[in-house]
Amino acid sequence: MYIHYALIVFQYKILPVHNAGKWLNECLQSIQGQTFKEGKFELSIFNDASKDDSITIINSWKDRLSNAGIHVIVNGHSSDAPKGVGFAKNQAVANSRGAFLCFQDAGTPEDLLFFLKHLELGGGVYRVDENLLTYRYHPDCATHSVHRDTIWDIRIEAIQKRVINQWKQFTIWNAGKEGRKFYRSLTQKNKAKVKAFCDVDAKKIGKVYTYEGSKEQPKPTVPIVHFSDASPPFVICVKMVSCLSLIHI
């Protein structure tokens, strides 16, 4: 499923759809009730080989959306198999006329890759103190089709490229499972920059972490110190439910 909820932030809304019949009425009703202060907005929909009633629902909403002042563009294909959310998103973009786009699709890596590429090309990040997105989790959502290691690898590559490669040395804050996994995921060059793990657990402090999986002899070791004795810069590894946040300070 590619579409869950919709919220217009910019003038042009990009809506890739695949077998989203369960949620389309709610989504399109949400769009109908929204306003854009700077003028009218456009909705560009691309149907990626849906086999359910998605296209019927979309067509039933076209007049209602048009009467609400929302210009709707609908394209798609009816091949035997979908071509993927990335393809559908790009097609919807190609069929739109907007300089500013707001994407609405499933929790696949495209969003993370888009954000990281945005930063790499010099894009800025701005804080907005209001809720702009409602995200729906359900058993069939595309998020569950992506292995957590895929997201992990993307994040590890990004933090090394943008941050750690420029450091001479650093401390990993968390000597537990998450911190050790982060250490093991680093390149050989960046592993050598880790001067210590730091923690608050008295049972760990004063011990040494040995990287048993290394082919080096002797195997690399990293001391574990109390956080008050550690020195920056830090990479803080914090487990949040089923994901791991990497924060550098």
C-alpha atoms as a PDB file:
ATOM      1  CA  MET A   1       0.000   0.000   0.000  1.00  0.00           C
ATOM      2  CA  TYR A   2       1.396   3.408  -0.965  1.00  0.00           C
ATOM      3  CA  ILE A   3      -1.211   5.805   0.384  1.00  0.00           C
ATOM      4  CA  HIS A   4      -2.434   6.220   3.927  1.00  0.00           C
ATOM      5  CA  TYR A   5      -3.244   9.803   5.004  1.00  0.00           C
ATOM      6  CA  ALA A   6      -2.839  13.026   3.078  1.00  0.00           C
ATOM      7  CA  LEU A   7      -1.903  16.522   4.172  1.00  0.00           C
ATOM      8  CA  ILE A   8      -1.218  19.426   1.854  1.00  0.00           C
ATOM      9  CA  VAL A   9       1.827  21.453   2.845  1.00  0.00           C
ATOM     10  CA  PHE A  10       2.893  22.817  -0.519  1.00  0.00           C
ATOM     11  CA  GLN A  11       0.949  23.740  -3.615  1.00  0.00           C
ATOM     12  CA  TYR A  12       1.385  20.411  -5.374  1.00  0.00           C
ATOM     13  CA  LYS A  13       0.568  17.054  -3.820  1.00  0.00           C
ATOM     14  CA  ILE A  14       2.196  13.859  -5.136  1.00  0.00           C
ATOM     15  CA  LEU A  15       0.104  10.737  -4.573  1.00  0.00           C
ATOM     16  CA  PRO A  16       1.459   7.321  -5.699  1.00  0.00           C
ATOM     17  CA  VAL A  17      -1.198   4.621  -5.214  1.00  0.00           C
ATOM     18  CA  HIS A  18      -1.102   0.822  -5.158  1.00  0.00           C
ATOM     19  CA  ASN A  19      -3.981  -1.255  -3.761  1.00  0.00           C
ATOM     20  CA  ALA A  20      -4.972   1.525  -1.372  1.00  0.00           C
ATOM     21  CA  GLY A  21      -8.738   1.174  -1.558  1.00  0.00           C
ATOM     22  CA  LYS A  22      -9.123   0.750   2.211  1.00  0.00           C
ATOM     23  CA  TRP A  23      -7.755   4.230   2.887  1.00  0.00           C
ATOM     24  CA  LEU A  24      -8.417   6.292  -0.225  1.00  0.00           C
ATOM     25  CA  ASN A  25     -11.818   7.670   0.804  1.00  0.00           C
ATOM     26  CA  GLU A  26     -10.399   8.916   4.085  1.00  0.00           C
ATOM     27  CA  CYS A  27      -7.359  10.312   2.318  1.00  0.00           C
ATOM     28  CA  LEU A  28      -9.247  12.140  -0.413  1.00  0.00           C
ATOM     29  CA  GLN A  29     -11.803  13.474   2.045  1.00  0.00           C
ATOM     30  CA  SER A  30      -8.924  14.932   4.027  1.00  0.00           C
ATOM     31  CA  ILE A  31      -7.579  16.617   0.903  1.00  0.00           C
ATOM     32  CA  GLN A  32     -11.012  18.000   0.018  1.00  0.00           C
ATOM     33  CA  GLY A  33     -11.275  19.702   3.398  1.00  0.00           C
ATOM     34  CA  GLN A  34      -7.923  21.435   3.214  1.00  0.00           C
ATOM     35  CA  THR A  35      -7.137  24.949   2.037  1.00  0.00           C
ATOM     36  CA  PHE A  36      -4.036  26.619   0.660  1.00  0.00           C
ATOM     37  CA  LYS A  37      -3.671  30.280   1.606  1.00  0.00           C
ATOM     38  CA  GLU A  38      -1.480  31.154  -1.353  1.00  0.00           C
ATOM     39  CA  GLY A  39      -3.974  29.885  -3.916  1.00  0.00           C
ATOM     40  CA  LYS A  40      -5.226  26.641  -5.403  1.00  0.00           C
ATOM     41  CA  PHE A  41      -3.282  23.417  -5.210  1.00  0.00           C
ATOM     42  CA  GLU A  42      -2.956  20.486  -7.553  1.00  0.00           C
ATOM     43  CA  LEU A  43      -3.181  16.773  -6.824  1.00  0.00           C
ATOM     44  CA  SER A  44      -1.134  14.478  -9.075  1.00  0.00           C
ATOM     45  CA  ILE A  45      -2.073  10.791  -8.669  1.00  0.00           C
ATOM     46  CA  PHE A  46      -0.291   7.838 -10.248  1.00  0.00           C
ATOM     47  CA  ASN A  47      -1.986   4.437 -10.011  1.00  0.00           C
ATOM     48  CA  ASP A  48       0.695   1.747  -9.930  1.00  0.00           C
ATOM     49  CA  ALA A  49      -1.142  -1.316 -11.258  1.00  0.00           C
ATOM     50  CA  SER A  50      -3.711  -1.490  -8.476  1.00  0.00           C
ATOM     51  CA  LYS A  51      -5.869  -4.613  -8.576  1.00  0.00           C
ATOM     52  CA  ASP A  52      -8.437  -3.466  -6.023  1.00  0.00           C
ATOM     53  CA  ASP A  53     -11.003  -0.679  -6.339  1.00  0.00           C
ATOM     54  CA  SER A  54      -8.484   2.158  -6.009  1.00  0.00           C
ATOM     55  CA  ILE A  55      -9.045   3.640  -9.474  1.00  0.00           C
ATOM     56  CA  THR A  56     -12.836   3.450  -9.067  1.00  0.00           C
ATOM     57  CA  ILE A  57     -12.597   5.380  -5.814  1.00  0.00           C
ATOM     58  CA  ILE A  58     -10.231   7.941  -7.349  1.00  0.00           C
ATOM     59  CA  ASN A  59     -12.591   8.538 -10.283  1.00  0.00           C
ATOM     60  CA  SER A  60     -15.555   8.906  -7.919  1.00  0.00           C
ATOM     61  CA  TRP A  61     -13.734  11.734  -6.142  1.00  0.00           C
ATOM     62  CA  LYS A  62     -12.564  13.704  -9.170  1.00  0.00           C
ATOM     63  CA  ASP A  63     -15.688  15.870  -9.479  1.00  0.00           C
ATOM     64  CA  ARG A  64     -15.905  16.506  -5.747  1.00  0.00           C
ATOM     65  CA  LEU A  65     -12.284  17.588  -5.609  1.00  0.00           C
ATOM     66  CA  SER A  66     -12.697  19.723  -8.712  1.00  0.00           C
ATOM     67  CA  ASN A  67     -15.723  21.454  -7.172  1.00  0.00           C
ATOM     68  CA  ALA A  68     -13.571  22.204  -4.141  1.00  0.00           C
ATOM     69  CA  GLY A  69     -11.106  23.988  -6.426  1.00  0.00           C
ATOM     70  CA  ILE A  70      -8.546  21.168  -6.482  1.00  0.00           C
ATOM     71  CA  HIS A  71      -7.120  20.339  -9.895  1.00  0.00           C
ATOM     72  CA  VAL A  72      -6.658  16.564 -10.178  1.00  0.00           C
ATOM     73  CA  ILE A  73      -4.343  14.762 -12.589  1.00  0.00           C
ATOM     74  CA  VAL A  74      -4.666  10.971 -12.735  1.00  0.00           C
ATOM     75  CA  ASN A  75      -2.246   8.699 -14.566  1.00  0.00           C
ATOM     76  CA  GLY A  76      -1.095   5.118 -14.126  1.00  0.00           C
ATOM     77  CA  HIS A  77      -0.662   1.719 -15.709  1.00  0.00           C
ATOM     78  CA  SER A  78      -2.375  -1.650 -15.474  1.00  0.00           C
ATOM     79  CA  SER A  79       0.533  -4.049 -15.886  1.00  0.00           C
ATOM     80  CA  ASP A  80       0.495  -7.402 -14.130  1.00  0.00           C
ATOM     81  CA  ALA A  81       2.859  -6.138 -11.424  1.00  0.00           C
ATOM     82  CA  PRO A  82       3.505  -2.739  -9.828  1.00  0.00           C
ATOM     83  CA  LYS A  83       6.752  -0.974 -10.679  1.00  0.00           C
ATOM     84  CA  GLY A  84       7.316   0.297  -7.156  1.00  0.00           C
ATOM     85  CA  VAL A  85       6.704   3.368  -5.066  1.00  0.00           C
ATOM     86  CA  GLY A  86       9.797   5.135  -6.426  1.00  0.00           C
ATOM     87  CA  PHE A  87       8.615   4.722 -10.026  1.00  0.00           C
ATOM     88  CA  ALA A  88       5.066   5.775  -9.153  1.00  0.00           C
ATOM     89  CA  LYS A  89       6.295   8.811  -7.260  1.00  0.00           C
ATOM     90  CA  ASN A  90       8.531   9.928 -10.131  1.00  0.00           C
ATOM     91  CA  GLN A  91       5.685   9.528 -12.619  1.00  0.00           C
ATOM     92  CA  ALA A  92       3.375  11.611 -10.450  1.00  0.00           C
ATOM     93  CA  VAL A  93       6.058  14.287 -10.217  1.00  0.00           C
ATOM     94  CA  ALA A  94       6.592  14.230 -13.992  1.00  0.00           C
ATOM     95  CA  ASN A  95       2.859  14.757 -14.518  1.00  0.00           C
ATOM     96  CA  SER A  96       2.654  17.688 -12.109  1.00  0.00           C
ATOM     97  CA  ARG A  97       3.498  21.308 -12.753  1.00  0.00           C
ATOM     98  CA  GLY A  98       4.658  22.307  -9.306  1.00  0.00           C
ATOM     99  CA  ALA A  99       7.836  23.993  -8.190  1.00  0.00           C
ATOM    100  CA  PHE A 100       7.056  22.846  -4.635  1.00  0.00           C
ATOM    101  CA  LEU A 101       6.039  19.256  -3.984  1.00  0.00           C
ATOM    102  CA  CYS A 102       4.631  17.401  -0.997  1.00  0.00           C
ATOM    103  CA  PHE A 103       5.058  13.627  -1.125  1.00  0.00           C
ATOM    104  CA  GLN A 104       2.528  11.230   0.364  1.00  0.00           C
ATOM    105  CA  ASP A 105       3.515   7.599   0.119  1.00  0.00           C
ATOM    106  CA  ALA A 106       4.419   4.468   2.248  1.00  0.00           C
ATOM    107  CA  GLY A 107       7.652   4.361   5.251  1.00  0.00           C
ATOM    108  CA  THR A 108      10.142   2.856   2.646  1.00  0.00           C
ATOM    109  CA  PRO A 109      13.845   3.957   2.375  1.00  0.00           C
ATOM    110  CA  GLU A 110      13.100   6.439  -0.421  1.00  0.00           C
ATOM    111  CA  ASP A 111      12.168   9.099   2.135  1.00  0.00           C
ATOM    112  CA  LEU A 112      15.395   8.640   4.074  1.00  0.00           C
ATOM    113  CA  LEU A 113      17.481   8.582   0.894  1.00  0.00           C
ATOM    114  CA  PHE A 114      15.698  11.699  -0.364  1.00  0.00           C
ATOM    115  CA  PHE A 115      16.423  13.528   2.897  1.00  0.00           C
ATOM    116  CA  LEU A 116      20.088  12.501   2.959  1.00  0.00           C
ATOM    117  CA  LYS A 117      20.576  13.490  -0.684  1.00  0.00           C
ATOM    118  CA  HIS A 118      18.923  16.815   0.085  1.00  0.00           C
ATOM    119  CA  LEU A 119      21.517  17.445   2.802  1.00  0.00           C
ATOM    120  CA  GLU A 120      24.359  16.276   0.573  1.00  0.00           C
ATOM    121  CA  LEU A 121      23.365  18.808  -2.092  1.00  0.00           C
ATOM    122  CA  GLY A 122      23.406  21.616   0.465  1.00  0.00           C
ATOM    123  CA  GLY A 123      19.727  21.687   1.373  1.00  0.00           C
ATOM    124  CA  GLY A 124      18.637  23.184   4.660  1.00  0.00           C
ATOM    125  CA  VAL A 125      16.544  21.836   7.527  1.00  0.00           C
ATOM    126  CA  TYR A 126      13.949  23.976   9.303  1.00  0.00           C
ATOM    127  CA  ARG A 127      11.999  23.338  12.465  1.00  0.00           C
ATOM    128  CA  VAL A 128       8.214  23.620  12.226  1.00  0.00           C
ATOM    129  CA  ASP A 129       6.415  23.590  15.576  1.00  0.00           C
ATOM    130  CA  GLU A 130       3.209  21.925  14.419  1.00  0.00           C
ATOM    131  CA  ASN A 131       2.113  18.489  13.273  1.00  0.00           C
ATOM    132  CA  LEU A 132       2.351  18.189   9.497  1.00  0.00           C
ATOM    133  CA  LEU A 133       1.952  14.457   9.014  1.00  0.00           C
ATOM    134  CA  THR A 134      -0.132  11.600  10.312  1.00  0.00           C
ATOM    135  CA  TYR A 135       1.496   8.222   9.704  1.00  0.00           C
ATOM    136  CA  ARG A 136      -0.522   5.039   9.716  1.00  0.00           C
ATOM    137  CA  TYR A 137       1.023   1.681  10.677  1.00  0.00           C
ATOM    138  CA  HIS A 138      -0.810  -1.474   9.673  1.00  0.00           C
ATOM    139  CA  PRO A 139       0.154  -5.088   8.839  1.00  0.00           C
ATOM    140  CA  ASP A 140       0.260  -4.449   5.082  1.00  0.00           C
ATOM    141  CA  CYS A 141       2.199  -1.178   5.079  1.00  0.00           C
ATOM    142  CA  ALA A 142       5.315  -1.025   2.920  1.00  0.00           C
ATOM    143  CA  THR A 143       7.482  -0.269   5.963  1.00  0.00           C
ATOM    144  CA  HIS A 144       7.315  -3.916   6.970  1.00  0.00           C
ATOM    145  CA  SER A 145       8.717  -5.017   3.607  1.00  0.00           C
ATOM    146  CA  VAL A 146      12.027  -3.270   4.308  1.00  0.00           C
ATOM    147  CA  HIS A 147      14.490  -5.131   6.507  1.00  0.00           C
ATOM    148  CA  ARG A 148      15.704  -3.060   9.453  1.00  0.00           C
ATOM    149  CA  ASP A 149      19.301  -3.777   8.417  1.00  0.00           C
ATOM    150  CA  THR A 150      18.667  -1.866   5.181  1.00  0.00           C
ATOM    151  CA  ILE A 151      17.736   1.285   7.110  1.00  0.00           C
ATOM    152  CA  TRP A 152      20.638   0.704   9.492  1.00  0.00           C
ATOM    153  CA  ASP A 153      23.158   0.460   6.672  1.00  0.00           C
ATOM    154  CA  ILE A 154      21.867   3.664   5.069  1.00  0.00           C
ATOM    155  CA  ARG A 155      22.209   5.546   8.362  1.00  0.00           C
ATOM    156  CA  ILE A 156      25.660   4.149   9.084  1.00  0.00           C
ATOM    157  CA  GLU A 157      26.925   5.136   5.651  1.00  0.00           C
ATOM    158  CA  ALA A 158      25.503   8.641   6.034  1.00  0.00           C
ATOM    159  CA  ILE A 159      26.903   9.376   9.499  1.00  0.00           C
ATOM    160  CA  GLN A 160      30.328   8.125   8.487  1.00  0.00           C
ATOM    161  CA  LYS A 161      30.373  10.117   5.262  1.00  0.00           C
ATOM    162  CA  ARG A 162      29.016  13.353   6.706  1.00  0.00           C
ATOM    163  CA  VAL A 163      30.486  13.286  10.199  1.00  0.00           C
ATOM    164  CA  ILE A 164      32.894  10.594  11.366  1.00  0.00           C
ATOM    165  CA  ASN A 165      35.170  10.692   8.344  1.00  0.00           C
ATOM    166  CA  GLN A 166      36.043  14.260   9.354  1.00  0.00           C
ATOM    167  CA  TRP A 167      36.871  13.378  12.984  1.00  0.00           C
ATOM    168  CA  LYS A 168      40.246  12.290  14.314  1.00  0.00           C
ATOM    169  CA  GLN A 169      38.740  10.400  17.247  1.00  0.00           C
ATOM    170  CA  PHE A 170      35.455  10.096  19.131  1.00  0.00           C
ATOM    171  CA  THR A 171      33.586   8.344  21.955  1.00  0.00           C
ATOM    172  CA  ILE A 172      30.609   6.008  21.619  1.00  0.00           C
ATOM    173  CA  TRP A 173      28.069   6.714  24.343  1.00  0.00           C
ATOM    174  CA  ASN A 174      26.570   3.304  25.167  1.00  0.00           C
ATOM    175  CA  ALA A 175      28.707   0.260  25.884  1.00  0.00           C
ATOM    176  CA  GLY A 176      25.725  -2.050  25.523  1.00  0.00           C
ATOM    177  CA  LYS A 177      24.331  -3.930  22.557  1.00  0.00           C
ATOM    178  CA  GLU A 178      23.493  -0.841  20.486  1.00  0.00           C
ATOM    179  CA  GLY A 179      26.861   0.831  20.970  1.00  0.00           C
ATOM    180  CA  ARG A 180      28.769  -2.345  20.144  1.00  0.00           C
ATOM    181  CA  LYS A 181      26.701  -2.899  17.003  1.00  0.00           C
ATOM    182  CA  PHE A 182      27.481   0.636  15.905  1.00  0.00           C
ATOM    183  CA  TYR A 183      31.201   0.037  16.458  1.00  0.00           C
ATOM    184  CA  ARG A 184      31.151  -3.211  14.472  1.00  0.00           C
ATOM    185  CA  SER A 185      29.374  -1.464  11.584  1.00  0.00           C
ATOM    186  CA  LEU A 186      32.087   1.140  11.115  1.00  0.00           C
ATOM    187  CA  THR A 187      34.805   0.961   8.503  1.00  0.00           C
ATOM    188  CA  GLN A 188      38.182  -0.277   9.702  1.00  0.00           C
ATOM    189  CA  LYS A 189      39.561   3.251   9.559  1.00  0.00           C
ATOM    190  CA  ASN A 190      36.739   4.659  11.676  1.00  0.00           C
ATOM    191  CA  LYS A 191      36.895   1.819  14.207  1.00  0.00           C
ATOM    192  CA  ALA A 192      40.459   2.944  14.924  1.00  0.00           C
ATOM    193  CA  LYS A 193      39.127   6.422  15.812  1.00  0.00           C
ATOM    194  CA  VAL A 194      37.016   5.110  18.701  1.00  0.00           C
ATOM    195  CA  LYS A 195      38.978   6.011  21.827  1.00  0.00           C
ATOM    196  CA  ALA A 196      36.382   4.729  24.310  1.00  0.00           C
ATOM    197  CA  PHE A 197      32.877   3.589  25.076  1.00  0.00           C
ATOM    198  CA  CYS A 198      31.192   5.479  27.900  1.00  0.00           C
ATOM    199  CA  ASP A 199      28.289   4.349  30.061  1.00  0.00           C
ATOM    200  CA  VAL A 200      26.530   4.787  33.416  1.00  0.00           C
ATOM    201  CA  ASP A 201      26.370   1.068  34.250  1.00  0.00           C
ATOM    202  CA  ALA A 202      28.888   0.390  37.030  1.00  0.00           C
ATOM    203  CA  LYS A 203      29.149  -3.250  35.925  1.00  0.00           C
ATOM    204  CA  LYS A 204      30.607  -2.180  32.574  1.00  0.00           C
ATOM    205  CA  ILE A 205      32.863   0.687  33.617  1.00  0.00           C
ATOM    206  CA  GLY A 206      36.540  -0.187  33.856  1.00  0.00           C
ATOM    207  CA  LYS A 207      36.223  -3.162  31.540  1.00  0.00           C
ATOM    208  CA  VAL A 208      37.471  -3.486  27.978  1.00  0.00           C
ATOM    209  CA  TYR A 209      35.443  -4.364  24.900  1.00  0.00           C
ATOM    210  CA  THR A 210      37.258  -6.790  22.602  1.00  0.00           C
ATOM    211  CA  TYR A 211      36.124  -7.000  19.009  1.00  0.00           C
ATOM    212  CA  GLU A 212      36.178 -10.764  18.620  1.00  0.00           C
ATOM    213  CA  GLY A 213      34.942 -10.617  15.041  1.00  0.00           C
ATOM    214  CA  SER A 214      38.066  -8.839  13.851  1.00  0.00           C
ATOM    215  CA  LYS A 215      40.662 -10.650  11.754  1.00  0.00           C
ATOM    216  CA  GLU A 216      43.382  -8.464  13.242  1.00  0.00           C
ATOM    217  CA  GLN A 217      45.884  -9.894  15.677  1.00  0.00           C
ATOM    218  CA  PRO A 218      45.853  -8.902  18.412  1.00  0.00           C
ATOM    219  CA  LYS A 219      42.140  -8.175  18.266  1.00  0.00           C
ATOM    220  CA  PRO A 220      41.139  -4.503  18.729  1.00  0.00           C
ATOM    221  CA  THR A 221      40.118  -3.456  22.226  1.00  0.00           C
ATOM    222  CA  VAL A 222      38.248  -0.360  23.422  1.00  0.00           C
ATOM    223  CA  PRO A 223      38.113   0.786  27.067  1.00  0.00           C
ATOM    224  CA  ILE A 224      34.783   1.449  28.780  1.00  0.00           C
ATOM    225  CA  VAL A 225      34.747   4.564  30.961  1.00  0.00           C
ATOM    226  CA  HIS A 226      32.230   6.472  33.047  1.00  0.00           C
ATOM    227  CA  PHE A 227      30.495   9.187  31.058  1.00  0.00           C
ATOM    228  CA  SER A 228      31.936  11.866  33.362  1.00  0.00           C
ATOM    229  CA  ASP A 229      35.438  10.793  32.345  1.00  0.00           C
ATOM    230  CA  ALA A 230      34.670  10.705  28.625  1.00  0.00           C
ATOM    231  CA  SER A 231      35.528  13.470  26.197  1.00  0.00           C
ATOM    232  CA  PRO A 232      33.727  14.663  23.051  1.00  0.00           C
ATOM    233  CA  PRO A 233      32.862  14.352  20.280  1.00  0.00           C
ATOM    234  CA  PHE A 234      30.264  11.687  21.046  1.00  0.00           C
ATOM    235  CA  VAL A 235      28.042   9.405  19.019  1.00  0.00           C
ATOM    236  CA  ILE A 236      25.097   8.557  21.274  1.00  0.00           C
ATOM    237  CA  CYS A 237      23.393   5.253  20.471  1.00  0.00           C
ATOM    238  CA  VAL A 238      19.854   5.221  21.867  1.00  0.00           C
ATOM    239  CA  LYS A 239      17.421   2.401  21.227  1.00  0.00           C
ATOM    240  CA  MET A 240      13.894   3.645  20.628  1.00  0.00           C
ATOM    241  CA  VAL A 241      11.386   0.771  20.389  1.00  0.00           C
ATOM    242  CA  SER A 242      12.522  -1.095  17.242  1.00  0.00           C
ATOM    243  CA  CYS A 243      14.936   1.475  15.825  1.00  0.00           C
ATOM    244  CA  LEU A 244      18.235   2.945  16.852  1.00  0.00           C
ATOM    245  CA  SER A 245      18.878   6.666  16.802  1.00  0.00           C
ATOM    246  CA  LEU A 246      22.402   7.859  16.150  1.00  0.00           C
ATOM    247  CA  ILE A 247      23.136  11.300  17.549  1.00  0.00           C
ATOM    248  CA  HIS A 248      26.479  13.036  17.350  1.00  0.00           C
ATOM    249  CA  ILE A 249      27.519  15.889  19.634  1.00  0.00           C
END
